[in-house]
Amino acid sequence: MFDWFNSEEKEFVDVGILDNFYQTSSFYPMPVVLCTTVSENGLTNIGSYSLCFPFGISKDHYMMLISRSSSNTARNIKARKTIALNFIPYDKEYLKNAVELGYPGETTEEKLAESIFTLVPSEREEEGKKDGLVYPEVIKESVQVFECTVDESDVFHYDGPKIEAHFLLKIDKIIMQKRYAEYLKEGEGFPTLPVDFGYRDSKQFWFSKHSHPYAEPIPKSKGVSTDAVRYQVERMEGAIKWHPDSYKKMVKVPRIFLKMVIGKINEATASESIDLVTPEFLDKVNAKR
């Protein structure tokens, strides 16, 4: 009988760290993102990217985009300060076109001529008139879109090779197809998003269709942490804010009732005309209960 666990195939070997290590030296799953930006002539440029990742996830919400500094996308971001990150669903025709749109050296007009995607106006046009920015169109076929502006503060600074451009993008707005927004709200259901493994063999890009996610319950013995409370609070609808110390007051609430209890507390703020849930307010609500 073949002993897989003790076979030579299971031994680790050094593969070396080469340039573009995420695709030359590893199997690294990445998103497929079509970046729309505004060109000098006012047209919306479409560029395909995978080096696009969450950077700031709590108080300030950022994405990091890595691009060739000479690309249309990089030049447009530097000049207009705006970008939309369009996440398309898994569809082989979409992915074929995404590879075509990612080919360097083409003009915006050439890209638009070969694009099969539908561009629709950003919902932020009125905002742009106020702040002097021009927002790119977004791709109608997208599952979700992150509308961003570039952050040029000292939050992030990179002194790497000049051929690379690293953009810290502040997420100003997330829009999503209605059915997927319902999935998100209910905590069940997922869109089928493609996984990109990069340009691996000098001939082609490699993509994968992710399998259907499954849910693994958090062990009851772990209880409810303050992070779990904050996570649920941030998923609730409305503009009610919670003081960080308030999360500690909720850790004894059984997980199965957590969403319902938070909803009731948020409703109670309306009758009290407050917009911040403090520990004192929770004590007051609990006393009434």
Protein backbone atom coordinates (compact mmCIF):
# COMPACT_ATOMS: atom_id res chain seq x y z
CA MET A 1 0.00 0.00 0.00
CA PHE A 2 1.33 3.42 -0.95
CA ASP A 3 2.17 5.56 2.07
CA TRP A 4 1.33 9.07 0.84
CA PHE A 5 2.19 10.89 4.06
CA ASN A 6 5.72 9.50 4.13
CA SER A 7 6.37 9.65 0.39
CA GLU A 8 8.91 11.91 -1.28
CA GLU A 9 6.06 13.87 -2.90
CA LYS A 10 5.20 15.29 0.54
CA GLU A 11 8.68 16.63 1.24
CA PHE A 12 9.29 20.39 1.13
CA VAL A 13 11.79 21.76 -1.37
CA ASP A 14 13.13 25.29 -1.84
CA VAL A 15 11.66 26.83 -5.04
CA GLY A 16 13.40 30.20 -4.75
CA ILE A 17 11.81 33.63 -4.59
CA LEU A 18 11.68 35.21 -8.03
CA ASP A 19 10.28 38.48 -9.32
CA ASN A 20 6.47 38.39 -9.39
CA PHE A 21 6.76 35.72 -6.70
CA TYR A 22 2.98 35.50 -6.29
CA GLN A 23 2.79 33.69 -9.64
CA THR A 24 6.36 32.51 -10.37
CA SER A 25 7.18 31.03 -6.96
CA SER A 26 3.81 30.09 -5.49
CA PHE A 27 0.18 29.20 -6.00
CA TYR A 28 -1.42 32.37 -4.71
CA PRO A 29 -5.19 32.95 -5.15
CA MET A 30 -6.07 36.50 -6.15
CA PRO A 31 -9.23 38.43 -7.08
CA VAL A 32 -10.15 39.50 -10.60
CA VAL A 33 -10.80 43.24 -10.64
CA LEU A 34 -11.62 45.48 -13.59
CA CYS A 35 -10.43 48.97 -12.70
CA THR A 36 -12.26 51.85 -14.34
CA THR A 37 -10.61 55.27 -14.38
CA VAL A 38 -11.11 58.51 -16.28
CA SER A 39 -8.71 59.19 -19.14
CA GLU A 40 -7.46 62.60 -20.18
CA ASN A 41 -10.08 62.77 -22.94
CA GLY A 42 -12.91 62.02 -20.49
CA LEU A 43 -13.44 58.41 -21.60
CA THR A 44 -13.59 55.61 -19.05
CA ASN A 45 -10.56 53.32 -19.28
CA ILE A 46 -10.82 49.63 -18.26
CA GLY A 47 -7.80 47.78 -16.87
CA SER A 48 -7.57 44.25 -15.47
CA TYR A 49 -5.84 43.74 -12.12
CA SER A 50 -5.39 41.11 -9.44
CA LEU A 51 -2.88 42.77 -7.10
CA CYS A 52 -5.65 44.54 -5.23
CA PHE A 53 -6.13 43.81 -1.54
CA PRO A 54 -7.72 45.21 1.66
CA PHE A 55 -5.30 47.51 3.48
CA GLY A 56 -7.25 49.34 6.22
CA ILE A 57 -10.25 47.51 7.61
CA SER A 58 -11.44 49.27 10.77
CA LYS A 59 -11.74 53.03 11.23
CA ASP A 60 -10.54 53.93 7.74
CA HIS A 61 -11.34 51.62 4.88
CA TYR A 62 -8.69 51.21 2.21
CA MET A 63 -7.64 49.00 -0.67
CA MET A 64 -4.10 48.70 -1.97
CA LEU A 65 -3.65 48.53 -5.75
CA ILE A 66 -0.30 47.64 -7.32
CA SER A 67 0.17 48.61 -10.96
CA ARG A 68 2.82 49.32 -13.55
CA SER A 69 3.61 53.01 -13.14
CA SER A 70 3.33 53.51 -16.92
CA SER A 71 -0.14 51.97 -17.27
CA ASN A 72 -3.24 53.92 -18.30
CA THR A 73 -4.75 53.13 -14.92
CA ALA A 74 -1.77 54.50 -12.99
CA ARG A 75 -1.62 57.69 -15.03
CA ASN A 76 -5.36 58.26 -14.68
CA ILE A 77 -5.32 57.72 -10.91
CA LYS A 78 -2.47 60.20 -10.50
CA ALA A 79 -4.25 62.80 -12.63
CA ARG A 80 -7.92 62.42 -11.62
CA LYS A 81 -7.60 60.81 -8.13
CA THR A 82 -10.60 58.50 -8.64
CA ILE A 83 -11.13 54.84 -9.51
CA ALA A 84 -13.83 52.16 -9.37
CA LEU A 85 -12.95 48.54 -8.57
CA ASN A 86 -15.38 46.29 -10.44
CA PHE A 87 -15.61 42.65 -9.32
CA ILE A 88 -17.03 40.55 -12.15
CA PRO A 89 -18.65 37.11 -11.73
CA TYR A 90 -17.11 33.87 -12.96
CA ASP A 91 -17.88 33.65 -16.66
CA LYS A 92 -15.37 32.34 -19.20
CA GLU A 93 -16.29 35.00 -21.78
CA TYR A 94 -15.84 37.71 -19.16
CA LEU A 95 -12.46 36.31 -18.13
CA LYS A 96 -11.29 35.99 -21.74
CA ASN A 97 -12.15 39.64 -22.27
CA ALA A 98 -10.48 40.59 -18.97
CA VAL A 99 -7.21 39.09 -20.26
CA GLU A 100 -7.57 41.08 -23.49
CA LEU A 101 -8.23 44.29 -21.56
CA GLY A 102 -5.16 43.68 -19.41
CA TYR A 103 -2.77 43.72 -22.35
CA PRO A 104 -0.31 46.63 -21.91
CA GLY A 105 0.28 49.37 -24.45
CA GLU A 106 -3.25 49.82 -25.78
CA THR A 107 -5.09 53.13 -25.71
CA THR A 108 -8.38 53.69 -23.93
CA GLU A 109 -10.16 53.83 -27.28
CA GLU A 110 -8.69 50.45 -28.28
CA LYS A 111 -9.73 48.91 -24.98
CA LEU A 112 -13.28 50.22 -25.25
CA ALA A 113 -13.55 48.87 -28.79
CA GLU A 114 -12.75 45.32 -27.65
CA SER A 115 -14.65 45.42 -24.35
CA ILE A 116 -17.81 43.31 -24.03
CA PHE A 117 -18.81 45.00 -20.77
CA THR A 118 -21.52 47.62 -20.28
CA LEU A 119 -20.43 50.93 -18.78
CA VAL A 120 -23.01 52.89 -16.79
CA PRO A 121 -22.63 56.28 -15.04
CA SER A 122 -21.40 56.43 -11.48
CA GLU A 123 -24.02 57.33 -8.90
CA ARG A 124 -21.52 59.87 -7.58
CA GLU A 125 -21.76 62.38 -10.41
CA GLU A 126 -23.51 64.96 -8.20
CA GLU A 127 -20.85 64.52 -5.52
CA GLY A 128 -18.21 65.12 -8.16
CA LYS A 129 -19.72 68.49 -9.05
CA LYS A 130 -19.33 69.55 -5.40
CA ASP A 131 -15.78 68.33 -4.79
CA GLY A 132 -14.39 68.94 -8.26
CA LEU A 133 -13.71 65.27 -9.02
CA VAL A 134 -14.70 63.26 -12.07
CA TYR A 135 -15.84 59.72 -11.29
CA PRO A 136 -15.39 56.89 -13.79
CA GLU A 137 -18.26 54.84 -15.13
CA VAL A 138 -18.83 51.43 -13.55
CA ILE A 139 -19.36 48.02 -15.11
CA LYS A 140 -23.00 46.94 -15.06
CA GLU A 141 -22.18 43.22 -15.08
CA SER A 142 -20.23 43.50 -11.79
CA VAL A 143 -21.24 41.63 -8.66
CA GLN A 144 -20.01 44.59 -6.61
CA VAL A 145 -18.15 47.85 -7.12
CA PHE A 146 -15.85 49.74 -4.75
CA GLU A 147 -15.84 53.44 -5.65
CA CYS A 148 -12.61 54.97 -4.37
CA THR A 149 -10.44 58.05 -4.22
CA VAL A 150 -6.67 57.92 -3.92
CA ASP A 151 -5.16 58.78 -0.52
CA GLU A 152 -1.88 60.64 -0.94
CA SER A 153 -1.26 61.29 2.76
CA ASP A 154 1.56 59.77 4.82
CA VAL A 155 -0.53 56.75 5.79
CA PHE A 156 1.48 54.68 3.33
CA HIS A 157 4.81 55.27 1.59
CA TYR A 158 6.72 52.87 -0.65
CA ASP A 159 10.30 53.34 -1.87
CA GLY A 160 10.46 50.37 -4.22
CA PRO A 161 11.30 50.23 -7.93
CA LYS A 162 9.94 53.10 -10.01
CA ILE A 163 8.36 50.69 -12.46
CA GLU A 164 5.79 49.87 -9.75
CA ALA A 165 3.02 52.16 -8.57
CA HIS A 166 1.34 51.53 -5.21
CA PHE A 167 -1.97 53.30 -4.65
CA LEU A 168 -3.74 53.56 -1.32
CA LEU A 169 -7.41 53.80 -2.26
CA LYS A 170 -9.98 55.07 0.23
CA ILE A 171 -13.25 53.21 -0.20
CA ASP A 172 -15.94 55.88 -0.40
CA LYS A 173 -18.86 53.71 -1.46
CA ILE A 174 -19.69 50.05 -2.12
CA ILE A 175 -22.55 49.19 -4.45
CA MET A 176 -23.76 45.66 -5.13
CA GLN A 177 -26.35 43.82 -7.17
CA LYS A 178 -29.54 43.58 -5.12
CA ARG A 179 -29.64 39.79 -4.83
CA TYR A 180 -26.09 39.66 -3.49
CA ALA A 181 -26.84 42.46 -1.05
CA GLU A 182 -29.65 40.25 0.27
CA TYR A 183 -27.21 37.35 0.63
CA LEU A 184 -24.89 39.62 2.58
CA LYS A 185 -27.68 40.85 4.82
CA GLU A 186 -28.94 37.36 5.64
CA GLY A 187 -25.46 35.88 6.04
CA GLU A 188 -26.25 33.11 3.54
CA GLY A 189 -25.51 32.70 -0.16
CA PHE A 190 -22.47 33.76 -2.18
CA PRO A 191 -21.80 35.05 -5.70
CA THR A 192 -19.54 32.92 -7.88
CA LEU A 193 -16.35 34.96 -8.12
CA PRO A 194 -13.30 33.92 -10.16
CA VAL A 195 -9.90 33.18 -8.66
CA ASP A 196 -6.81 34.28 -10.59
CA PHE A 197 -3.49 32.42 -10.32
CA GLY A 198 -1.65 34.74 -12.68
CA TYR A 199 0.42 34.61 -15.82
CA ARG A 200 2.24 31.40 -15.04
CA ASP A 201 3.80 29.85 -18.12
CA SER A 202 4.50 32.78 -20.49
CA LYS A 203 1.50 31.70 -22.57
CA GLN A 204 -1.71 32.10 -20.60
CA PHE A 205 -3.47 33.28 -17.48
CA TRP A 206 -4.95 30.73 -15.12
CA PHE A 207 -8.36 31.13 -13.49
CA SER A 208 -10.45 28.96 -11.24
CA LYS A 209 -14.10 28.82 -10.23
CA HIS A 210 -14.36 28.71 -6.47
CA SER A 211 -16.40 25.91 -4.94
CA HIS A 212 -19.51 26.64 -2.94
CA PRO A 213 -18.53 27.91 0.55
CA TYR A 214 -19.70 26.01 3.57
CA ALA A 215 -20.31 27.31 7.07
CA GLU A 216 -18.28 26.10 10.04
CA PRO A 217 -20.01 27.21 13.28
CA ILE A 218 -17.93 28.91 15.95
CA PRO A 219 -17.68 26.53 18.94
CA LYS A 220 -20.17 27.41 21.65
CA SER A 221 -17.39 27.12 24.20
CA LYS A 222 -15.74 30.17 22.65
CA GLY A 223 -18.64 32.41 23.66
CA VAL A 224 -19.18 35.86 22.13
CA SER A 225 -16.13 38.09 21.91
CA THR A 226 -16.13 41.87 21.65
CA ASP A 227 -14.94 41.45 18.06
CA ALA A 228 -17.96 39.28 17.30
CA VAL A 229 -20.25 41.94 18.80
CA ARG A 230 -18.58 44.70 16.79
CA TYR A 231 -18.80 42.63 13.62
CA GLN A 232 -22.53 42.15 14.07
CA VAL A 233 -23.07 45.83 14.94
CA GLU A 234 -21.28 46.91 11.78
CA ARG A 235 -23.48 44.62 9.68
CA MET A 236 -26.71 46.15 10.94
CA GLU A 237 -28.57 48.71 8.85
CA GLY A 238 -28.80 52.33 9.93
CA ALA A 239 -26.42 55.03 11.04
CA ILE A 240 -26.29 54.21 14.76
CA LYS A 241 -22.74 54.19 16.11
CA TRP A 242 -21.51 52.21 19.10
CA HIS A 243 -18.87 53.29 21.60
CA PRO A 244 -16.11 50.63 21.72
CA ASP A 245 -16.69 50.08 25.45
CA SER A 246 -20.30 49.12 24.70
CA TYR A 247 -19.22 45.90 23.01
CA LYS A 248 -17.98 44.57 26.35
CA LYS A 249 -21.51 44.84 27.74
CA MET A 250 -22.79 42.38 25.14
CA VAL A 251 -20.42 39.42 25.52
CA LYS A 252 -22.84 37.50 27.73
CA VAL A 253 -25.65 37.60 25.19
CA PRO A 254 -26.10 34.12 23.62
CA ARG A 255 -24.84 34.19 20.06
CA ILE A 256 -28.17 33.00 18.66
CA PHE A 257 -29.88 36.13 20.07
CA LEU A 258 -27.09 38.63 19.42
CA LYS A 259 -28.44 40.08 16.15
CA MET A 260 -31.95 40.43 17.56
CA VAL A 261 -30.76 42.15 20.75
CA ILE A 262 -28.55 44.60 18.85
CA GLY A 263 -31.49 45.40 16.58
CA LYS A 264 -33.71 46.15 19.59
CA ILE A 265 -31.04 48.40 21.11
CA ASN A 266 -30.68 50.31 17.85
CA GLU A 267 -34.46 50.77 17.75
CA ALA A 268 -34.40 52.11 21.29
CA THR A 269 -32.01 54.87 20.27
CA ALA A 270 -34.72 56.37 18.05
CA SER A 271 -37.07 57.05 20.96
CA GLU A 272 -34.20 58.55 22.95
CA SER A 273 -32.98 60.69 20.00
CA ILE A 274 -29.37 59.56 20.40
CA ASP A 275 -26.89 58.51 17.72
CA LEU A 276 -24.26 56.78 19.88
CA VAL A 277 -24.78 53.65 21.95
CA THR A 278 -22.78 54.09 25.16
CA PRO A 279 -22.33 51.69 28.10
CA GLU A 280 -24.56 54.03 30.15
CA PHE A 281 -27.32 53.79 27.56
CA LEU A 282 -27.07 49.98 27.60
CA ASP A 283 -27.40 50.01 31.40
CA LYS A 284 -30.49 52.18 31.03
CA VAL A 285 -32.03 49.84 28.44
CA ASN A 286 -31.22 46.80 30.55
CA ALA A 287 -32.80 48.39 33.63
CA LYS A 288 -36.04 48.94 31.73
CA ARG A 289 -35.99 45.38 30.48
